Protein backbone atom coordinates (compact mmCIF):
# COMPACT_ATOMS: atom_id res chain seq x y z
CA MET A 1 -5.63 -20.02 6.88
CA LEU A 2 -5.04 -19.59 9.77
CA HIS A 3 -7.16 -16.54 11.02
CA LYS A 4 -4.68 -15.92 13.45
CA LEU A 5 -1.48 -15.98 11.01
CA PRO A 6 -2.57 -13.87 7.11
CA GLY A 7 -0.72 -16.35 4.63
CA VAL A 8 -0.59 -19.09 6.51
CA PHE A 9 -1.46 -21.98 5.01
CA VAL A 10 -1.94 -25.66 6.37
CA ALA A 11 -2.55 -29.10 4.45
CA GLY A 12 -2.55 -32.20 5.79
CA GLU A 13 -3.76 -35.30 8.79
CA MET A 14 -3.50 -35.89 11.08
CA LEU A 15 -2.17 -38.95 11.95
CA ASP A 16 -3.92 -42.02 14.12
CA TRP A 17 -2.18 -45.00 14.89
CA GLU A 18 -5.33 -46.09 15.88
CA ALA A 19 -7.51 -46.31 13.26
CA PRO A 20 -7.86 -48.72 10.32
CA THR A 21 -9.10 -46.55 7.39
CA GLY A 22 -6.00 -47.80 5.34
CA GLY A 23 -6.10 -44.57 2.12
CA TYR A 24 -8.21 -42.70 3.62
CA LEU A 25 -5.26 -40.61 6.05
CA LEU A 26 -2.83 -40.42 2.52
CA GLN A 27 -6.82 -39.24 0.45
CA ALA A 28 -7.18 -36.26 3.77
CA SER A 29 -3.90 -34.48 2.95
CA PHE A 30 -3.65 -34.80 -1.03
CA ALA A 31 -7.33 -33.27 -0.75
CA THR A 32 -6.82 -30.44 2.00
CA GLY A 33 -2.96 -29.78 0.36
CA ALA A 34 -5.21 -28.62 -2.75
CA ALA A 35 -7.88 -26.89 -1.41
CA ALA A 36 -4.63 -25.54 0.40
CA GLY A 37 -3.88 -24.92 -3.01
CA ARG A 38 -6.68 -23.40 -4.69
CA GLY A 39 -6.71 -20.19 -1.09
CA VAL A 40 -3.18 -19.78 -1.58
CA LEU A 41 -3.69 -18.80 -5.19
CA ALA A 42 -7.30 -17.24 -4.15
CA TRP A 43 -5.20 -15.18 -1.17
CA LEU A 44 -2.89 -13.97 -4.07
CA ARG A 45 -4.58 -13.16 -6.29
CA HIS A 46 -6.89 -10.10 -3.77
CA SER A 47 -4.24 -8.77 -1.91
């Protein structure tokens, strides 16, 4: 969650066209999406 914007959650990965990382950018996007989803659920439970 963004500290300055409570209730706004972000996920994803910055694109770097020069990086030869293959599928790691997608994996990071999926992983941060899952973490953001868990954060939303926890925030809603405590709101």
